[in-house]
C-alpha cells in the first residue's frame, strides 16, 4: 500500500507563491505517474499537473505558466505555485498512478491552499 503525505499549504495573498510537497511511503515516484489535484468547495476534483517517470510534465490550462511540478526519483513530489489568484483556493491532493492515462489509485490526505484577494 502506497501512502502519500502532503505539506506546504497555507494562506497567501493574491500574487504570492507557495510550494507544496508530497512524500511517498516508499520509492514509487520513479515508477508511477505522480500528480497534483485540487478540489474547491462544491466543485469536482480536477487534475492540476502530472509528471511521469521520464519527468515529462503536463498542466491544466488554468495553471500553465504559473505552476511548476517536479519530482526526484525517490520519494518526493513538489508543486511550485506562483502568481496565485483567488481561484486557486482549494484542497490540494497528491496522487500516484501506474500511468498518467488512468485515474490515480493512491491519494494523500490533502493540504489546504487559501488565496486572499
N, C-alpha and C. Protein backbone atom coordinates (compact mmCIF):
# COMPACT_ATOMS: atom_id res chain seq x y z
N UNK A 1 0.84 -1.19 0.00
CA UNK A 1 0.00 0.00 0.00
C UNK A 1 0.88 1.25 0.00
N UNK A 2 0.70 2.08 -1.00
CA UNK A 2 1.47 3.32 -1.09
C UNK A 2 0.78 4.38 -0.26
N UNK A 3 1.54 5.07 0.56
CA UNK A 3 1.00 6.18 1.33
C UNK A 3 1.67 7.47 0.89
N UNK A 4 0.85 8.51 0.76
CA UNK A 4 1.34 9.81 0.32
C UNK A 4 0.97 10.85 1.36
N UNK A 5 1.89 11.78 1.63
CA UNK A 5 1.62 12.82 2.60
C UNK A 5 2.04 14.17 2.06
N UNK A 6 1.08 15.10 2.02
CA UNK A 6 1.34 16.44 1.52
C UNK A 6 1.70 17.39 2.66
N UNK A 7 2.39 18.46 2.30
CA UNK A 7 2.69 19.54 3.22
C UNK A 7 2.89 20.82 2.42
N UNK A 8 2.89 21.96 3.11
CA UNK A 8 3.21 23.22 2.46
C UNK A 8 2.05 24.12 2.17
N UNK A 9 0.83 23.67 2.44
CA UNK A 9 -0.31 24.54 2.21
C UNK A 9 -0.35 25.68 3.21
N UNK A 10 -1.27 26.61 2.97
CA UNK A 10 -1.39 27.74 3.87
C UNK A 10 -2.18 28.85 3.23
N UNK A 11 -2.10 30.02 3.83
CA UNK A 11 -2.81 31.19 3.34
C UNK A 11 -1.81 32.17 2.75
N UNK A 12 -2.17 32.77 1.63
CA UNK A 12 -1.28 33.71 0.95
C UNK A 12 -2.14 34.74 0.24
N UNK A 13 -1.58 35.92 0.04
CA UNK A 13 -2.30 36.94 -0.70
C UNK A 13 -2.15 36.71 -2.20
N UNK A 14 -3.10 37.21 -2.94
CA UNK A 14 -3.06 37.11 -4.40
C UNK A 14 -1.74 37.69 -4.91
N UNK A 15 -1.16 36.99 -5.86
CA UNK A 15 0.13 37.38 -6.40
C UNK A 15 1.30 36.70 -5.72
N UNK A 16 1.04 36.06 -4.62
CA UNK A 16 2.09 35.38 -3.88
C UNK A 16 2.39 34.00 -4.41
N UNK A 17 3.23 33.28 -3.67
CA UNK A 17 3.66 31.95 -4.10
C UNK A 17 3.66 30.98 -2.92
N UNK A 18 3.48 29.72 -3.23
CA UNK A 18 3.57 28.64 -2.26
C UNK A 18 4.21 27.43 -2.92
N UNK A 19 4.88 26.62 -2.11
CA UNK A 19 5.42 25.35 -2.60
C UNK A 19 4.79 24.22 -1.81
N UNK A 20 4.15 23.32 -2.51
CA UNK A 20 3.61 22.11 -1.90
C UNK A 20 4.58 20.96 -2.10
N UNK A 21 4.64 20.09 -1.11
CA UNK A 21 5.49 18.91 -1.22
C UNK A 21 4.68 17.67 -0.88
N UNK A 22 5.07 16.56 -1.46
CA UNK A 22 4.43 15.28 -1.20
C UNK A 22 5.53 14.24 -1.04
N UNK A 23 5.43 13.47 0.02
CA UNK A 23 6.42 12.42 0.27
C UNK A 23 5.72 11.08 0.22
N UNK A 24 6.27 10.14 -0.52
CA UNK A 24 5.71 8.80 -0.64
C UNK A 24 6.31 7.87 0.40
N UNK A 25 5.54 6.85 0.75
CA UNK A 25 5.98 5.92 1.78
C UNK A 25 7.09 5.01 1.33
N UNK A 26 7.21 4.85 0.02
CA UNK A 26 8.35 4.10 -0.50
C UNK A 26 8.75 4.67 -1.84
N UNK A 27 9.74 4.12 -2.42
CA UNK A 27 10.34 4.71 -3.62
C UNK A 27 9.52 4.40 -4.86
N UNK A 28 8.29 4.91 -4.88
CA UNK A 28 7.43 4.66 -6.03
C UNK A 28 7.51 5.75 -7.07
N UNK A 29 8.02 6.91 -6.67
CA UNK A 29 7.92 8.05 -7.57
C UNK A 29 8.72 7.87 -8.85
N UNK A 30 9.65 6.92 -8.84
CA UNK A 30 10.40 6.69 -10.07
C UNK A 30 9.63 5.79 -11.03
N UNK A 31 8.56 5.18 -10.56
CA UNK A 31 7.82 4.22 -11.37
C UNK A 31 6.46 4.74 -11.78
N UNK A 32 5.79 5.39 -10.89
CA UNK A 32 4.43 5.83 -11.12
C UNK A 32 4.35 7.22 -11.74
N UNK A 33 3.21 7.51 -12.29
CA UNK A 33 2.84 8.87 -12.66
C UNK A 33 2.42 9.56 -11.37
N UNK A 34 2.98 10.72 -11.11
CA UNK A 34 2.64 11.49 -9.92
C UNK A 34 1.89 12.74 -10.34
N UNK A 35 0.88 13.09 -9.58
CA UNK A 35 0.03 14.22 -9.95
C UNK A 35 -0.38 15.04 -8.74
N UNK A 36 -0.76 16.26 -9.02
CA UNK A 36 -1.46 17.11 -8.06
C UNK A 36 -2.87 17.35 -8.59
N UNK A 37 -3.84 17.17 -7.72
CA UNK A 37 -5.22 17.50 -8.00
C UNK A 37 -5.66 18.57 -7.00
N UNK A 38 -6.77 19.22 -7.30
CA UNK A 38 -7.33 20.16 -6.35
C UNK A 38 -8.85 20.11 -6.40
N UNK A 39 -9.44 20.45 -5.27
CA UNK A 39 -10.89 20.45 -5.17
C UNK A 39 -11.33 21.63 -4.32
N UNK A 40 -12.10 22.51 -4.94
CA UNK A 40 -12.70 23.65 -4.24
C UNK A 40 -14.07 23.24 -3.71
N UNK A 41 -14.57 23.92 -2.70
CA UNK A 41 -15.89 23.56 -2.15
C UNK A 41 -16.97 23.58 -3.21
N UNK A 42 -17.74 22.51 -3.27
CA UNK A 42 -18.83 22.43 -4.22
C UNK A 42 -18.42 22.12 -5.64
N UNK A 43 -17.14 21.84 -5.86
CA UNK A 43 -16.66 21.57 -7.21
C UNK A 43 -16.02 20.19 -7.28
N UNK A 44 -15.82 19.73 -8.51
CA UNK A 44 -15.19 18.43 -8.71
C UNK A 44 -13.68 18.51 -8.45
N UNK A 45 -13.10 17.35 -8.22
CA UNK A 45 -11.65 17.28 -8.06
C UNK A 45 -11.01 17.26 -9.45
N UNK A 46 -10.15 18.22 -9.71
CA UNK A 46 -9.56 18.38 -11.03
C UNK A 46 -8.05 18.17 -10.98
N UNK A 47 -7.53 17.62 -12.04
CA UNK A 47 -6.08 17.46 -12.17
C UNK A 47 -5.42 18.81 -12.41
N UNK A 48 -4.40 19.12 -11.67
CA UNK A 48 -3.66 20.37 -11.82
C UNK A 48 -2.42 20.16 -12.68
N UNK A 49 -1.66 19.13 -12.35
CA UNK A 49 -0.42 18.85 -13.07
C UNK A 49 -0.02 17.41 -12.82
N UNK A 50 0.65 16.83 -13.81
CA UNK A 50 1.16 15.47 -13.69
C UNK A 50 2.57 15.41 -14.22
N UNK A 51 3.31 14.43 -13.72
CA UNK A 51 4.67 14.22 -14.20
C UNK A 51 4.93 12.72 -14.23
N UNK A 52 5.41 12.23 -15.36
CA UNK A 52 5.61 10.79 -15.47
C UNK A 52 7.03 10.40 -15.06
N UNK A 53 7.33 9.13 -15.19
CA UNK A 53 8.63 8.66 -14.68
C UNK A 53 9.79 9.13 -15.54
N UNK A 54 9.47 9.71 -16.72
CA UNK A 54 10.52 10.30 -17.56
C UNK A 54 10.61 11.82 -17.34
N UNK A 55 9.91 12.30 -16.32
CA UNK A 55 9.91 13.73 -15.96
C UNK A 55 9.21 14.60 -16.98
N UNK A 56 8.30 14.01 -17.75
CA UNK A 56 7.50 14.80 -18.68
C UNK A 56 6.28 15.33 -17.93
N UNK A 57 6.10 16.64 -17.97
CA UNK A 57 5.06 17.28 -17.19
C UNK A 57 3.93 17.79 -18.08
N UNK A 58 2.72 17.72 -17.56
CA UNK A 58 1.56 18.31 -18.21
C UNK A 58 0.81 19.13 -17.17
N UNK A 59 0.13 20.17 -17.65
CA UNK A 59 -0.55 21.11 -16.76
C UNK A 59 -1.97 21.40 -17.24
N UNK A 60 -2.84 21.69 -16.30
CA UNK A 60 -4.16 22.20 -16.65
C UNK A 60 -3.99 23.61 -17.21
N UNK A 61 -4.87 23.97 -18.12
CA UNK A 61 -4.77 25.30 -18.75
C UNK A 61 -4.78 26.42 -17.71
N UNK A 62 -5.53 26.22 -16.64
CA UNK A 62 -5.69 27.28 -15.64
C UNK A 62 -4.40 27.62 -14.91
N UNK A 63 -3.43 26.70 -14.94
CA UNK A 63 -2.20 26.93 -14.16
C UNK A 63 -0.96 27.00 -15.03
N UNK A 64 -1.09 26.80 -16.32
CA UNK A 64 0.07 26.84 -17.21
C UNK A 64 0.78 28.18 -17.12
N UNK A 65 2.11 28.11 -17.00
CA UNK A 65 2.90 29.32 -16.91
C UNK A 65 3.02 29.87 -15.49
N UNK A 66 2.24 29.30 -14.56
CA UNK A 66 2.30 29.77 -13.17
C UNK A 66 2.78 28.69 -12.22
N UNK A 67 2.42 27.44 -12.47
CA UNK A 67 2.78 26.32 -11.59
C UNK A 67 3.86 25.48 -12.25
N UNK A 68 4.72 24.91 -11.40
CA UNK A 68 5.76 24.00 -11.87
C UNK A 68 5.75 22.75 -11.01
N UNK A 69 5.60 21.60 -11.66
CA UNK A 69 5.64 20.32 -10.96
C UNK A 69 7.02 19.72 -11.14
N UNK A 70 7.54 19.10 -10.08
CA UNK A 70 8.86 18.48 -10.17
C UNK A 70 8.91 17.28 -9.24
N UNK A 71 9.86 16.41 -9.49
CA UNK A 71 9.98 15.21 -8.67
C UNK A 71 11.44 14.78 -8.62
N UNK A 72 11.80 14.07 -7.58
CA UNK A 72 13.06 13.35 -7.63
C UNK A 72 12.69 11.90 -7.93
N UNK A 73 13.64 11.05 -8.03
CA UNK A 73 13.34 9.67 -8.40
C UNK A 73 13.20 8.76 -7.20
N UNK A 74 13.04 9.35 -6.06
CA UNK A 74 12.91 8.53 -4.85
C UNK A 74 11.52 8.67 -4.26
N UNK A 75 11.30 9.71 -3.52
CA UNK A 75 10.05 9.75 -2.77
C UNK A 75 9.33 11.10 -2.81
N UNK A 76 9.87 12.11 -3.45
CA UNK A 76 9.31 13.45 -3.27
C UNK A 76 8.77 14.05 -4.55
N UNK A 77 7.61 14.70 -4.41
CA UNK A 77 6.96 15.43 -5.49
C UNK A 77 6.67 16.84 -5.00
N UNK A 78 6.98 17.85 -5.80
CA UNK A 78 6.75 19.24 -5.42
C UNK A 78 5.83 19.92 -6.42
N UNK A 79 5.17 20.98 -5.95
CA UNK A 79 4.41 21.85 -6.83
C UNK A 79 4.71 23.28 -6.41
N UNK A 80 5.41 24.02 -7.26
CA UNK A 80 5.68 25.42 -7.02
C UNK A 80 4.58 26.23 -7.67
N UNK A 81 3.88 27.01 -6.86
CA UNK A 81 2.73 27.78 -7.35
C UNK A 81 3.06 29.27 -7.27
N UNK A 82 3.13 29.91 -8.41
CA UNK A 82 3.44 31.34 -8.49
C UNK A 82 2.21 32.12 -8.94
N UNK A 83 2.25 33.43 -8.71
CA UNK A 83 1.19 34.33 -9.18
C UNK A 83 -0.19 33.80 -8.81
N UNK A 84 -0.34 33.44 -7.56
CA UNK A 84 -1.59 32.82 -7.11
C UNK A 84 -2.75 33.81 -7.20
N UNK A 85 -3.91 33.26 -7.54
CA UNK A 85 -5.15 34.03 -7.62
C UNK A 85 -6.19 33.35 -6.74
N UNK A 86 -7.26 34.07 -6.46
CA UNK A 86 -8.27 33.54 -5.53
C UNK A 86 -8.87 32.23 -6.05
N UNK A 87 -8.91 32.08 -7.37
CA UNK A 87 -9.47 30.85 -7.96
C UNK A 87 -8.60 29.61 -7.68
N UNK A 88 -7.40 29.82 -7.20
CA UNK A 88 -6.53 28.69 -6.85
C UNK A 88 -6.85 28.15 -5.45
N UNK A 89 -7.72 28.81 -4.74
CA UNK A 89 -8.10 28.35 -3.40
C UNK A 89 -8.78 27.00 -3.49
N UNK A 90 -8.23 26.01 -2.80
CA UNK A 90 -8.76 24.64 -2.86
C UNK A 90 -7.97 23.75 -1.91
N UNK A 91 -8.48 22.53 -1.75
CA UNK A 91 -7.69 21.48 -1.11
C UNK A 91 -6.87 20.82 -2.21
N UNK A 92 -5.58 20.70 -1.98
CA UNK A 92 -4.69 20.11 -2.97
C UNK A 92 -4.28 18.71 -2.52
N UNK A 93 -4.34 17.78 -3.48
CA UNK A 93 -4.06 16.38 -3.20
C UNK A 93 -2.92 15.87 -4.08
N UNK A 94 -2.04 15.13 -3.47
CA UNK A 94 -1.02 14.39 -4.19
C UNK A 94 -1.59 13.03 -4.55
N UNK A 95 -1.26 12.54 -5.74
CA UNK A 95 -1.81 11.26 -6.19
C UNK A 95 -0.78 10.50 -7.01
N UNK A 96 -0.91 9.18 -6.99
CA UNK A 96 0.01 8.33 -7.76
C UNK A 96 -0.78 7.29 -8.53
N UNK A 97 -0.33 7.01 -9.73
CA UNK A 97 -0.98 6.02 -10.58
C UNK A 97 0.08 5.29 -11.38
N UNK A 98 -0.30 4.14 -11.90
CA UNK A 98 0.64 3.37 -12.71
C UNK A 98 0.92 4.07 -14.03
N UNK A 99 -0.01 4.92 -14.47
CA UNK A 99 0.14 5.64 -15.73
C UNK A 99 -0.59 6.98 -15.61
N UNK A 100 -0.13 7.94 -16.38
CA UNK A 100 -0.80 9.24 -16.39
C UNK A 100 -2.12 9.19 -17.18
N UNK A 101 -2.41 8.06 -17.80
CA UNK A 101 -3.64 7.93 -18.58
C UNK A 101 -4.80 7.38 -17.78
N UNK A 102 -4.56 7.03 -16.54
CA UNK A 102 -5.64 6.47 -15.72
C UNK A 102 -5.84 7.30 -14.47
N UNK A 103 -6.99 7.15 -13.85
CA UNK A 103 -7.28 7.89 -12.63
C UNK A 103 -6.45 7.30 -11.49
N UNK A 104 -5.83 8.14 -10.69
CA UNK A 104 -4.94 7.63 -9.64
C UNK A 104 -5.64 6.71 -8.65
N UNK A 105 -4.87 5.71 -8.20
CA UNK A 105 -5.43 4.83 -7.18
C UNK A 105 -4.90 5.12 -5.79
N UNK A 106 -3.87 5.94 -5.70
CA UNK A 106 -3.31 6.30 -4.40
C UNK A 106 -3.42 7.80 -4.19
N UNK A 107 -3.86 8.17 -2.97
CA UNK A 107 -4.12 9.58 -2.67
C UNK A 107 -3.56 9.95 -1.30
N UNK A 108 -3.12 11.21 -1.20
CA UNK A 108 -2.79 11.76 0.10
C UNK A 108 -4.03 12.33 0.77
N UNK A 109 -3.85 12.86 1.97
CA UNK A 109 -4.97 13.40 2.74
C UNK A 109 -5.35 14.81 2.29
N UNK A 110 -4.45 15.50 1.62
CA UNK A 110 -4.72 16.84 1.14
C UNK A 110 -4.13 17.92 2.02
N UNK A 111 -3.86 19.06 1.40
CA UNK A 111 -3.38 20.23 2.13
C UNK A 111 -4.11 21.45 1.58
N UNK A 112 -4.57 22.32 2.47
CA UNK A 112 -5.41 23.45 2.08
C UNK A 112 -4.57 24.63 1.62
N UNK A 113 -4.98 25.21 0.51
CA UNK A 113 -4.38 26.45 0.00
C UNK A 113 -5.47 27.49 -0.08
N UNK A 114 -5.25 28.63 0.55
CA UNK A 114 -6.23 29.72 0.54
C UNK A 114 -5.55 30.98 0.05
N UNK A 115 -6.10 31.55 -1.02
CA UNK A 115 -5.55 32.77 -1.61
C UNK A 115 -6.55 33.90 -1.39
N UNK A 116 -6.12 34.95 -0.73
CA UNK A 116 -6.99 36.08 -0.47
C UNK A 116 -6.67 37.23 -1.41
N UNK A 117 -7.72 37.88 -1.85
CA UNK A 117 -7.52 38.99 -2.81
C UNK A 117 -7.51 40.33 -2.09
